[in-house]
Amino acid sequence: MRSSNPLQKYYETEQERLRQFIREECRTDAQRAAVSVMTLERCAPQLALLAEQLPELDGLSLYAGILDDLERSVCDGAALPEKAIRGYEGWCLRTGKLAEGQHISPYSPWRLQLLPGFLEQLGAFFSQGPPLPWEDPRPALLGFWLLFWYETNHRFPSPGNFNFYQYIRSTHPEIEKLGRERDALREELEKSVAYGDAYDAISRRFKEECQKYWGEAAAEKKRLAETCQPMTVKRLLLAPKELDRLRADVWFATTEGASGERLRQRLREYRLLDITRG
């Protein structure tokens, strides 16, 4: 989207307001760190769900361990060793490469489509340490970034981009399992033509099984065509709520305290919060 687009203008304006708000209100590294870690906790359910959907991205489970370390740092004042921070950066790089190897397409799960950008920003932050530069507000803005791009590009499917096969995969687990097997054979086919017959066979089977649900997909496309509305700033729901949460986090860190058991409890609650459900 170009900057003249009202949605893009909204995003850029709110991002800058957030940066300025954090700079003005958070006077210490402890406060800035607490705000950033609260945001990173809210992103955890999205990465956990993606790891569940795509077992080949099992490295995503290590994100929870990184959060555990960051929690101890902000709640207990525990120092983060240089080796640990370099490990976080390395994790971002490795996992990003794994994600890019998943043949990301417009019909891939939206979490997978956004994952490389998330890891790139987080990895760039970690690369500046040690110590971690909490004056950089980038981690605190990742929740807003995630939800804005989800809402404007993925939350409301367009009938013009509707893919029958992807819809059927998303609504029928047995088709999704078959689709993953086909995807795996396609990767092998790229390495060796010896897998050509096996790939052709599973592709025929995949198409035949999808035909059973073709009517469902046609009905969904028709529904989208009848109900689809262009996204506008007024229709945004999730991104503005994340802005409210971030402002509340700043208030909490600067008035309630940026460390201790109350912060730890808040972090536990955030790690279980699905921010995509409104």
C-alpha atoms as a PDB file:
ATOM      1  CA  MET A   1       0.000   0.000   0.000  1.00  0.00           C
ATOM      2  CA  ARG A   2       1.158   3.503  -0.784  1.00  0.00           C
ATOM      3  CA  SER A   3       1.434   6.148   1.893  1.00  0.00           C
ATOM      4  CA  SER A   4      -1.466   8.043   0.258  1.00  0.00           C
ATOM      5  CA  ASN A   5      -3.729   5.130   1.138  1.00  0.00           C
ATOM      6  CA  PRO A   6      -5.807   6.092   4.221  1.00  0.00           C
ATOM      7  CA  LEU A   7      -5.068   2.732   5.846  1.00  0.00           C
ATOM      8  CA  GLN A   8      -1.328   3.089   5.372  1.00  0.00           C
ATOM      9  CA  LYS A   9      -1.469   6.681   6.619  1.00  0.00           C
ATOM     10  CA  TYR A  10      -3.328   5.512   9.711  1.00  0.00           C
ATOM     11  CA  TYR A  11      -0.727   2.815  10.368  1.00  0.00           C
ATOM     12  CA  GLU A  12       2.250   5.134   9.967  1.00  0.00           C
ATOM     13  CA  THR A  13       0.640   7.878  12.057  1.00  0.00           C
ATOM     14  CA  GLU A  14      -0.295   5.549  14.913  1.00  0.00           C
ATOM     15  CA  GLN A  15       3.117   3.903  14.895  1.00  0.00           C
ATOM     16  CA  GLU A  16       4.839   7.253  15.268  1.00  0.00           C
ATOM     17  CA  ARG A  17       2.430   8.287  18.017  1.00  0.00           C
ATOM     18  CA  LEU A  18       3.207   5.090  19.884  1.00  0.00           C
ATOM     19  CA  ARG A  19       6.957   5.597  19.559  1.00  0.00           C
ATOM     20  CA  GLN A  20       6.641   9.124  20.887  1.00  0.00           C
ATOM     21  CA  PHE A  21       4.299   8.051  23.686  1.00  0.00           C
ATOM     22  CA  ILE A  22       6.689   5.359  24.899  1.00  0.00           C
ATOM     23  CA  ARG A  23       9.661   7.759  24.742  1.00  0.00           C
ATOM     24  CA  GLU A  24       7.822  10.411  26.758  1.00  0.00           C
ATOM     25  CA  GLU A  25       6.210   8.195  29.384  1.00  0.00           C
ATOM     26  CA  CYS A  26       8.775   5.436  29.967  1.00  0.00           C
ATOM     27  CA  ARG A  27      11.769   7.026  31.653  1.00  0.00           C
ATOM     28  CA  THR A  28      13.787   3.937  32.504  1.00  0.00           C
ATOM     29  CA  ASP A  29      15.026   0.839  30.729  1.00  0.00           C
ATOM     30  CA  ALA A  30      13.022  -1.275  33.174  1.00  0.00           C
ATOM     31  CA  GLN A  31       9.793   0.420  32.172  1.00  0.00           C
ATOM     32  CA  ARG A  32      10.547   0.200  28.449  1.00  0.00           C
ATOM     33  CA  ALA A  33      11.562  -3.450  28.770  1.00  0.00           C
ATOM     34  CA  ALA A  34       8.362  -4.314  30.632  1.00  0.00           C
ATOM     35  CA  VAL A  35       6.212  -2.712  27.931  1.00  0.00           C
ATOM     36  CA  SER A  36       8.070  -4.525  25.161  1.00  0.00           C
ATOM     37  CA  VAL A  37       7.929  -7.926  26.848  1.00  0.00           C
ATOM     38  CA  MET A  38       4.203  -7.537  27.455  1.00  0.00           C
ATOM     39  CA  THR A  39       3.722  -7.130  23.709  1.00  0.00           C
ATOM     40  CA  LEU A  40       5.939 -10.110  22.911  1.00  0.00           C
ATOM     41  CA  GLU A  41       3.861 -12.236  25.305  1.00  0.00           C
ATOM     42  CA  ARG A  42       0.691 -11.320  23.388  1.00  0.00           C
ATOM     43  CA  CYS A  43       2.262 -12.602  20.173  1.00  0.00           C
ATOM     44  CA  ALA A  44       3.042 -16.012  21.722  1.00  0.00           C
ATOM     45  CA  PRO A  45      -0.360 -17.668  21.032  1.00  0.00           C
ATOM     46  CA  GLN A  46      -0.044 -16.864  17.328  1.00  0.00           C
ATOM     47  CA  LEU A  47       3.372 -18.503  17.060  1.00  0.00           C
ATOM     48  CA  ALA A  48       2.213 -21.470  19.124  1.00  0.00           C
ATOM     49  CA  LEU A  49      -0.765 -22.047  16.850  1.00  0.00           C
ATOM     50  CA  LEU A  50       1.432 -21.826  13.760  1.00  0.00           C
ATOM     51  CA  ALA A  51       3.811 -24.394  15.257  1.00  0.00           C
ATOM     52  CA  GLU A  52       0.813 -26.657  15.851  1.00  0.00           C
ATOM     53  CA  GLN A  53      -0.407 -26.215  12.269  1.00  0.00           C
ATOM     54  CA  LEU A  54       3.044 -26.762  10.761  1.00  0.00           C
ATOM     55  CA  PRO A  55       5.043 -29.337  12.757  1.00  0.00           C
ATOM     56  CA  GLU A  56       8.012 -28.752  10.458  1.00  0.00           C
ATOM     57  CA  LEU A  57       8.356 -25.380  12.177  1.00  0.00           C
ATOM     58  CA  ASP A  58       8.896 -27.039  15.555  1.00  0.00           C
ATOM     59  CA  GLY A  59      11.637 -24.514  16.292  1.00  0.00           C
ATOM     60  CA  LEU A  60       8.866 -22.012  16.967  1.00  0.00           C
ATOM     61  CA  SER A  61       8.325 -23.698  20.324  1.00  0.00           C
ATOM     62  CA  LEU A  62      11.610 -22.148  21.482  1.00  0.00           C
ATOM     63  CA  TYR A  63       9.906 -18.748  21.487  1.00  0.00           C
ATOM     64  CA  ALA A  64       8.335 -19.680  24.824  1.00  0.00           C
ATOM     65  CA  GLY A  65      11.813 -20.240  26.283  1.00  0.00           C
ATOM     66  CA  ILE A  66      12.943 -16.819  25.095  1.00  0.00           C
ATOM     67  CA  LEU A  67       9.913 -15.292  26.790  1.00  0.00           C
ATOM     68  CA  ASP A  68      10.754 -17.154  30.006  1.00  0.00           C
ATOM     69  CA  ASP A  69      14.215 -15.561  29.986  1.00  0.00           C
ATOM     70  CA  LEU A  70      12.810 -12.114  29.262  1.00  0.00           C
ATOM     71  CA  GLU A  71      10.260 -12.534  32.056  1.00  0.00           C
ATOM     72  CA  ARG A  72      12.981 -13.293  34.587  1.00  0.00           C
ATOM     73  CA  SER A  73      14.882 -10.275  33.356  1.00  0.00           C
ATOM     74  CA  VAL A  74      12.033  -7.774  33.701  1.00  0.00           C
ATOM     75  CA  CYS A  75      10.412  -9.269  36.813  1.00  0.00           C
ATOM     76  CA  ASP A  76      13.488 -10.232  38.823  1.00  0.00           C
ATOM     77  CA  GLY A  77      16.179  -8.051  37.339  1.00  0.00           C
ATOM     78  CA  ALA A  78      18.107 -11.115  36.150  1.00  0.00           C
ATOM     79  CA  ALA A  79      20.882 -10.253  33.702  1.00  0.00           C
ATOM     80  CA  LEU A  80      20.676 -11.666  30.191  1.00  0.00           C
ATOM     81  CA  PRO A  81      24.053 -13.191  29.230  1.00  0.00           C
ATOM     82  CA  GLU A  82      25.582 -12.224  25.911  1.00  0.00           C
ATOM     83  CA  LYS A  83      25.413 -15.860  24.811  1.00  0.00           C
ATOM     84  CA  ALA A  84      21.663 -15.950  25.406  1.00  0.00           C
ATOM     85  CA  ILE A  85      21.029 -12.776  23.408  1.00  0.00           C
ATOM     86  CA  ARG A  86      23.124 -14.064  20.514  1.00  0.00           C
ATOM     87  CA  GLY A  87      21.085 -17.249  20.752  1.00  0.00           C
ATOM     88  CA  TYR A  88      17.844 -15.276  20.393  1.00  0.00           C
ATOM     89  CA  GLU A  89      19.202 -13.569  17.300  1.00  0.00           C
ATOM     90  CA  GLY A  90      20.299 -16.899  15.858  1.00  0.00           C
ATOM     91  CA  TRP A  91      16.882 -18.381  16.544  1.00  0.00           C
ATOM     92  CA  CYS A  92      15.226 -15.583  14.584  1.00  0.00           C
ATOM     93  CA  LEU A  93      17.540 -16.165  11.626  1.00  0.00           C
ATOM     94  CA  ARG A  94      17.156 -19.960  11.621  1.00  0.00           C
ATOM     95  CA  THR A  95      13.404 -19.925  12.064  1.00  0.00           C
ATOM     96  CA  GLY A  96      13.028 -17.247   9.419  1.00  0.00           C
ATOM     97  CA  LYS A  97      14.846 -19.433   6.907  1.00  0.00           C
ATOM     98  CA  LEU A  98      12.649 -22.393   7.849  1.00  0.00           C
ATOM     99  CA  ALA A  99       9.547 -20.275   7.316  1.00  0.00           C
ATOM    100  CA  GLU A 100      10.718 -19.056   3.933  1.00  0.00           C
ATOM    101  CA  GLY A 101      11.234 -22.677   2.930  1.00  0.00           C
ATOM    102  CA  GLN A 102       7.543 -23.442   3.423  1.00  0.00           C
ATOM    103  CA  HIS A 103       6.555 -22.257  -0.070  1.00  0.00           C
ATOM    104  CA  ILE A 104       4.671 -19.235   1.224  1.00  0.00           C
ATOM    105  CA  SER A 105       1.858 -18.338  -1.163  1.00  0.00           C
ATOM    106  CA  PRO A 106      -1.168 -16.016  -1.007  1.00  0.00           C
ATOM    107  CA  TYR A 107      -3.114 -19.024   0.218  1.00  0.00           C
ATOM    108  CA  SER A 108      -0.745 -20.054   2.995  1.00  0.00           C
ATOM    109  CA  PRO A 109      -1.898 -19.544   6.608  1.00  0.00           C
ATOM    110  CA  TRP A 110      -1.732 -15.841   7.384  1.00  0.00           C
ATOM    111  CA  ARG A 111       0.501 -16.473  10.387  1.00  0.00           C
ATOM    112  CA  LEU A 112       3.051 -18.101   8.102  1.00  0.00           C
ATOM    113  CA  GLN A 113       2.865 -15.215   5.652  1.00  0.00           C
ATOM    114  CA  LEU A 114       3.567 -12.699   8.417  1.00  0.00           C
ATOM    115  CA  LEU A 115       6.119 -14.810  10.308  1.00  0.00           C
ATOM    116  CA  PRO A 116       9.215 -13.795   8.270  1.00  0.00           C
ATOM    117  CA  GLY A 117       8.500 -10.112   8.853  1.00  0.00           C
ATOM    118  CA  PHE A 118       7.930 -10.682  12.560  1.00  0.00           C
ATOM    119  CA  LEU A 119      11.211 -12.604  12.913  1.00  0.00           C
ATOM    120  CA  GLU A 120      13.124 -10.063  10.851  1.00  0.00           C
ATOM    121  CA  GLN A 121      12.080  -7.208  13.125  1.00  0.00           C
ATOM    122  CA  LEU A 122      12.670  -9.161  16.309  1.00  0.00           C
ATOM    123  CA  GLY A 123      16.024 -10.435  15.076  1.00  0.00           C
ATOM    124  CA  ALA A 124      17.117  -6.912  14.161  1.00  0.00           C
ATOM    125  CA  PHE A 125      16.308  -5.834  17.713  1.00  0.00           C
ATOM    126  CA  PHE A 126      18.273  -8.677  19.302  1.00  0.00           C
ATOM    127  CA  SER A 127      21.227  -8.037  16.983  1.00  0.00           C
ATOM    128  CA  GLN A 128      21.820  -4.682  18.683  1.00  0.00           C
ATOM    129  CA  GLY A 129      22.662  -6.288  22.034  1.00  0.00           C
ATOM    130  CA  PRO A 130      24.090  -6.954  24.486  1.00  0.00           C
ATOM    131  CA  PRO A 131      22.729  -5.322  26.464  1.00  0.00           C
ATOM    132  CA  LEU A 132      19.351  -5.215  24.777  1.00  0.00           C
ATOM    133  CA  PRO A 133      18.514  -1.669  23.613  1.00  0.00           C
ATOM    134  CA  TRP A 134      15.138  -1.252  25.232  1.00  0.00           C
ATOM    135  CA  GLU A 135      15.041   2.362  24.077  1.00  0.00           C
ATOM    136  CA  ASP A 136      14.253   0.854  20.670  1.00  0.00           C
ATOM    137  CA  PRO A 137      10.418   0.603  20.699  1.00  0.00           C
ATOM    138  CA  ARG A 138      10.327  -1.994  17.907  1.00  0.00           C
ATOM    139  CA  PRO A 139       9.321  -4.992  20.092  1.00  0.00           C
ATOM    140  CA  ALA A 140       6.530  -3.004  21.710  1.00  0.00           C
ATOM    141  CA  LEU A 141       5.071  -2.227  18.277  1.00  0.00           C
ATOM    142  CA  LEU A 142       5.089  -5.789  16.951  1.00  0.00           C
ATOM    143  CA  GLY A 143       1.571  -6.572  18.184  1.00  0.00           C
ATOM    144  CA  PHE A 144       0.174  -3.548  16.369  1.00  0.00           C
ATOM    145  CA  TRP A 145       2.147  -4.477  13.253  1.00  0.00           C
ATOM    146  CA  LEU A 146       0.847  -8.062  13.352  1.00  0.00           C
ATOM    147  CA  LEU A 147      -2.801  -7.165  13.810  1.00  0.00           C
ATOM    148  CA  PHE A 148      -2.839  -4.315  11.298  1.00  0.00           C
ATOM    149  CA  TRP A 149      -1.494  -6.487   8.486  1.00  0.00           C
ATOM    150  CA  TYR A 150      -3.735  -9.362   9.523  1.00  0.00           C
ATOM    151  CA  GLU A 151      -6.829  -7.175   9.402  1.00  0.00           C
ATOM    152  CA  THR A 152      -6.013  -5.355   6.188  1.00  0.00           C
ATOM    153  CA  ASN A 153      -4.803  -8.367   4.207  1.00  0.00           C
ATOM    154  CA  HIS A 154      -6.082 -11.599   5.735  1.00  0.00           C
ATOM    155  CA  ARG A 155      -9.000 -11.266   8.131  1.00  0.00           C
ATOM    156  CA  PHE A 156     -11.621 -10.623   5.471  1.00  0.00           C
ATOM    157  CA  PRO A 157     -10.943 -12.809   2.420  1.00  0.00           C
ATOM    158  CA  SER A 158     -11.580 -11.265  -0.968  1.00  0.00           C
ATOM    159  CA  PRO A 159     -13.805 -13.201  -3.390  1.00  0.00           C
ATOM    160  CA  GLY A 160     -11.403 -12.166  -6.144  1.00  0.00           C
ATOM    161  CA  ASN A 161      -8.569 -14.060  -4.436  1.00  0.00           C
ATOM    162  CA  PHE A 162     -10.690 -16.980  -3.252  1.00  0.00           C
ATOM    163  CA  ASN A 163      -9.008 -20.348  -3.783  1.00  0.00           C
ATOM    164  CA  PHE A 164     -11.290 -23.392  -3.673  1.00  0.00           C
ATOM    165  CA  TYR A 165      -8.533 -25.820  -2.725  1.00  0.00           C
ATOM    166  CA  GLN A 166      -7.156 -23.657   0.078  1.00  0.00           C
ATOM    167  CA  TYR A 167     -10.619 -23.102   1.527  1.00  0.00           C
ATOM    168  CA  ILE A 168     -11.337 -26.832   1.503  1.00  0.00           C
ATOM    169  CA  ARG A 169      -7.970 -27.536   3.132  1.00  0.00           C
ATOM    170  CA  SER A 170      -8.747 -25.008   5.850  1.00  0.00           C
ATOM    171  CA  THR A 171     -12.152 -26.509   6.685  1.00  0.00           C
ATOM    172  CA  HIS A 172     -11.499 -30.257   6.409  1.00  0.00           C
ATOM    173  CA  PRO A 173      -8.587 -31.718   8.439  1.00  0.00           C
ATOM    174  CA  GLU A 174      -8.307 -34.860   6.319  1.00  0.00           C
ATOM    175  CA  ILE A 175      -7.823 -32.746   3.183  1.00  0.00           C
ATOM    176  CA  GLU A 176      -5.253 -30.588   4.977  1.00  0.00           C
ATOM    177  CA  LYS A 177      -3.327 -33.732   5.937  1.00  0.00           C
ATOM    178  CA  LEU A 178      -3.409 -34.967   2.352  1.00  0.00           C
ATOM    179  CA  GLY A 179      -2.363 -31.524   1.149  1.00  0.00           C
ATOM    180  CA  ARG A 180       0.662 -31.560   3.427  1.00  0.00           C
ATOM    181  CA  GLU A 181       1.688 -34.941   2.073  1.00  0.00           C
ATOM    182  CA  ARG A 182       1.413 -33.566  -1.443  1.00  0.00           C
ATOM    183  CA  ASP A 183       3.437 -30.484  -0.485  1.00  0.00           C
ATOM    184  CA  ALA A 184       6.171 -32.685   0.966  1.00  0.00           C
ATOM    185  CA  LEU A 185       6.355 -34.710  -2.254  1.00  0.00           C
ATOM    186  CA  ARG A 186       6.510 -31.513  -4.277  1.00  0.00           C
ATOM    187  CA  GLU A 187       9.596 -30.511  -2.303  1.00  0.00           C
ATOM    188  CA  GLU A 188      11.162 -33.892  -3.026  1.00  0.00           C
ATOM    189  CA  LEU A 189      10.265 -33.550  -6.703  1.00  0.00           C
ATOM    190  CA  GLU A 190      12.215 -30.291  -6.841  1.00  0.00           C
ATOM    191  CA  LYS A 191      15.269 -32.262  -5.732  1.00  0.00           C
ATOM    192  CA  SER A 192      14.774 -35.367  -7.886  1.00  0.00           C
ATOM    193  CA  VAL A 193      12.516 -36.298 -10.826  1.00  0.00           C
ATOM    194  CA  ALA A 194      12.277 -39.783  -9.314  1.00  0.00           C
ATOM    195  CA  TYR A 195       9.357 -38.507  -7.239  1.00  0.00           C
ATOM    196  CA  GLY A 196       7.360 -37.473 -10.309  1.00  0.00           C
ATOM    197  CA  ASP A 197       4.997 -40.465 -10.409  1.00  0.00           C
ATOM    198  CA  ALA A 198       4.300 -40.325  -6.671  1.00  0.00           C
ATOM    199  CA  TYR A 199       3.594 -36.603  -6.864  1.00  0.00           C
ATOM    200  CA  ASP A 200       1.252 -37.012  -9.832  1.00  0.00           C
ATOM    201  CA  ALA A 201      -0.624 -39.784  -8.015  1.00  0.00           C
ATOM    202  CA  ILE A 202      -1.166 -37.836  -4.810  1.00  0.00           C
ATOM    203  CA  SER A 203      -2.116 -34.727  -6.787  1.00  0.00           C
ATOM    204  CA  ARG A 204      -4.879 -36.673  -8.569  1.00  0.00           C
ATOM    205  CA  ARG A 205      -6.080 -38.045  -5.268  1.00  0.00           C
ATOM    206  CA  PHE A 206      -6.011 -34.582  -3.680  1.00  0.00           C
ATOM    207  CA  LYS A 207      -8.154 -33.126  -6.468  1.00  0.00           C
ATOM    208  CA  GLU A 208     -10.593 -36.023  -6.328  1.00  0.00           C
ATOM    209  CA  GLU A 209     -11.050 -35.688  -2.569  1.00  0.00           C
ATOM    210  CA  CYS A 210     -11.520 -31.921  -2.862  1.00  0.00           C
ATOM    211  CA  GLN A 211     -14.335 -32.437  -5.377  1.00  0.00           C
ATOM    212  CA  LYS A 212     -16.434 -33.861  -2.540  1.00  0.00           C
ATOM    213  CA  TYR A 213     -16.520 -30.408  -0.949  1.00  0.00           C
ATOM    214  CA  TRP A 214     -16.581 -28.262  -4.071  1.00  0.00           C
ATOM    215  CA  GLY A 215     -20.154 -27.187  -3.428  1.00  0.00           C
ATOM    216  CA  GLU A 216     -19.215 -25.904   0.035  1.00  0.00           C
ATOM    217  CA  ALA A 217     -16.399 -23.834  -1.428  1.00  0.00           C
ATOM    218  CA  ALA A 218     -18.655 -22.438  -4.162  1.00  0.00           C
ATOM    219  CA  ALA A 219     -21.203 -21.406  -1.533  1.00  0.00           C
ATOM    220  CA  GLU A 220     -18.481 -19.689   0.504  1.00  0.00           C
ATOM    221  CA  LYS A 221     -17.238 -17.758  -2.517  1.00  0.00           C
ATOM    222  CA  LYS A 222     -20.792 -16.660  -3.272  1.00  0.00           C
ATOM    223  CA  ARG A 223     -21.245 -15.545   0.337  1.00  0.00           C
ATOM    224  CA  LEU A 224     -18.031 -13.526   0.173  1.00  0.00           C
ATOM    225  CA  ALA A 225     -19.114 -11.874  -3.060  1.00  0.00           C
ATOM    226  CA  GLU A 226     -22.417 -10.853  -1.476  1.00  0.00           C
ATOM    227  CA  THR A 227     -21.027  -9.611   1.830  1.00  0.00           C
ATOM    228  CA  CYS A 228     -17.500  -8.391   1.044  1.00  0.00           C
ATOM    229  CA  GLN A 229     -16.837  -4.753   1.898  1.00  0.00           C
ATOM    230  CA  PRO A 230     -13.644  -2.777   1.324  1.00  0.00           C
ATOM    231  CA  MET A 231     -11.466  -2.419   4.396  1.00  0.00           C
ATOM    232  CA  THR A 232     -11.393   1.074   5.849  1.00  0.00           C
ATOM    233  CA  VAL A 233      -9.921   2.640   8.969  1.00  0.00           C
ATOM    234  CA  LYS A 234     -13.384   2.626  10.556  1.00  0.00           C
ATOM    235  CA  ARG A 235     -13.694  -1.128  10.030  1.00  0.00           C
ATOM    236  CA  LEU A 236     -10.463  -1.868  11.860  1.00  0.00           C
ATOM    237  CA  LEU A 237     -11.240  -3.617  15.130  1.00  0.00           C
ATOM    238  CA  LEU A 238      -8.241  -5.580  16.359  1.00  0.00           C
ATOM    239  CA  ALA A 239      -5.433  -3.095  15.665  1.00  0.00           C
ATOM    240  CA  PRO A 240      -7.099  -0.261  17.665  1.00  0.00           C
ATOM    241  CA  LYS A 241      -7.613  -2.671  20.585  1.00  0.00           C
ATOM    242  CA  GLU A 242      -3.919  -3.459  20.544  1.00  0.00           C
ATOM    243  CA  LEU A 243      -3.188   0.277  20.689  1.00  0.00           C
ATOM    244  CA  ASP A 244      -5.377   0.481  23.803  1.00  0.00           C
ATOM    245  CA  ARG A 245      -3.571  -2.477  25.380  1.00  0.00           C
ATOM    246  CA  LEU A 246      -0.185  -0.916  24.680  1.00  0.00           C
ATOM    247  CA  ARG A 247      -1.190   2.390  26.241  1.00  0.00           C
ATOM    248  CA  ALA A 248      -2.522   0.499  29.256  1.00  0.00           C
ATOM    249  CA  ASP A 249       0.810  -1.352  29.480  1.00  0.00           C
ATOM    250  CA  VAL A 250       2.687   1.938  29.540  1.00  0.00           C
ATOM    251  CA  TRP A 251       0.433   3.174  32.326  1.00  0.00           C
ATOM    252  CA  PHE A 252       0.946  -0.083  34.230  1.00  0.00           C
ATOM    253  CA  ALA A 253       4.747  -0.013  33.868  1.00  0.00           C
ATOM    254  CA  THR A 254       5.042   3.611  34.896  1.00  0.00           C
ATOM    255  CA  THR A 255       2.561   3.655  37.788  1.00  0.00           C
ATOM    256  CA  GLU A 256       2.165   0.095  39.076  1.00  0.00           C
ATOM    257  CA  GLY A 257       5.810  -0.804  38.708  1.00  0.00           C
ATOM    258  CA  ALA A 258       7.899  -2.436  35.996  1.00  0.00           C
ATOM    259  CA  SER A 259       8.922  -5.490  37.977  1.00  0.00           C
ATOM    260  CA  GLY A 260       7.665  -7.972  40.550  1.00  0.00           C
ATOM    261  CA  GLU A 261       4.796 -10.398  40.934  1.00  0.00           C
ATOM    262  CA  ARG A 262       2.063  -8.160  39.534  1.00  0.00           C
ATOM    263  CA  LEU A 263       3.987  -7.822  36.301  1.00  0.00           C
ATOM    264  CA  ARG A 264       4.623 -11.552  36.230  1.00  0.00           C
ATOM    265  CA  GLN A 265       0.887 -12.236  36.553  1.00  0.00           C
ATOM    266  CA  ARG A 266       0.134  -9.795  33.752  1.00  0.00           C
ATOM    267  CA  LEU A 267       2.658 -11.547  31.523  1.00  0.00           C
ATOM    268  CA  ARG A 268       1.094 -14.947  32.262  1.00  0.00           C
ATOM    269  CA  GLU A 269      -2.323 -13.645  31.258  1.00  0.00           C
ATOM    270  CA  TYR A 270      -1.001 -12.113  28.062  1.00  0.00           C
ATOM    271  CA  ARG A 271       0.678 -15.338  26.987  1.00  0.00           C
ATOM    272  CA  LEU A 272      -2.763 -16.973  26.891  1.00  0.00           C
ATOM    273  CA  LEU A 273      -4.569 -14.075  25.180  1.00  0.00           C
ATOM    274  CA  ASP A 274      -5.667 -14.566  21.569  1.00  0.00           C
ATOM    275  CA  ILE A 275      -5.478 -11.024  20.224  1.00  0.00           C
ATOM    276  CA  THR A 276      -7.108 -12.042  16.923  1.00  0.00           C
ATOM    277  CA  ARG A 277     -10.458 -12.773  18.552  1.00  0.00           C
ATOM    278  CA  GLY A 278     -11.249  -9.170  19.364  1.00  0.00           C
END
